[in-house]
Amino acid sequence: MPSEGEDPVQTLVDKMSKGGTHEAGALQRGTFRFSRWSGPGNRVGIISSPSFNEHHSGEKRQTFYRAMKEDEFRAFEKDEQLTPVDRNAYMGISDSRDYVTKYFDGPIRNDATHVVEFIVQPGVDVEQELLGLRVEKAESGALSFGLGPKQAKGVGGEYFNHLLKSRCIRWRLVAWKADPSTKPKYKK
């Protein structure tokens, strides 16, 4: 934590904007802002950005969100493919950022550190295709789609990864947890 008299938000932002991480670049470009303190003792800063549809008011697109743990995000950032962590992984995505936030910083805690937004290019209807593959599940008033092997043997993930690879789906980071007591993990 910052010393007496220092602005804790500015100290956090200064620390997290150093180095070669995706997050540091976003802070340096000004696309992210400090949102709030969270976690045990309110020591973890939540850094966030508006969603694509909030930021581009005239151009609405199909968007999906996924909360990821640090290691999953680093692997995804490297090859831009969603890779199951184990054979029983559900690997859910949802079109509801509020629902995904429950896994990131809400009552359903699973150590997620990043929220990724997936933006679908015009003319592609990912939701209809995933519904056709029967990988959906209604939970807590939202629809989630399982991309991992636990749901329909991972066919949703294969389809989604194909769209990522062909650039029909683009992604961007929209939130992450920044703990000022830990050193940021830098890209290799």
Foldseek 3Di string as FASTA:
>chain_A
DDDPPDDPQVLLLVQQLDAADLRVVCSVVVQKGFDAFADVVSQKTKIFHDDPCVVVVVDDFQKKKAFAAPVQVLVCVVPVARDDPDLQAQRKIFSDPVVRVCCVGNPNDDRGFWMKMKTAAPPDDLPVVQVVLVQWDDDPNTIIGGQHCNGSHRPSRVVVRVCSVVVRIDMDTGIGIGRSVDRDDHRD
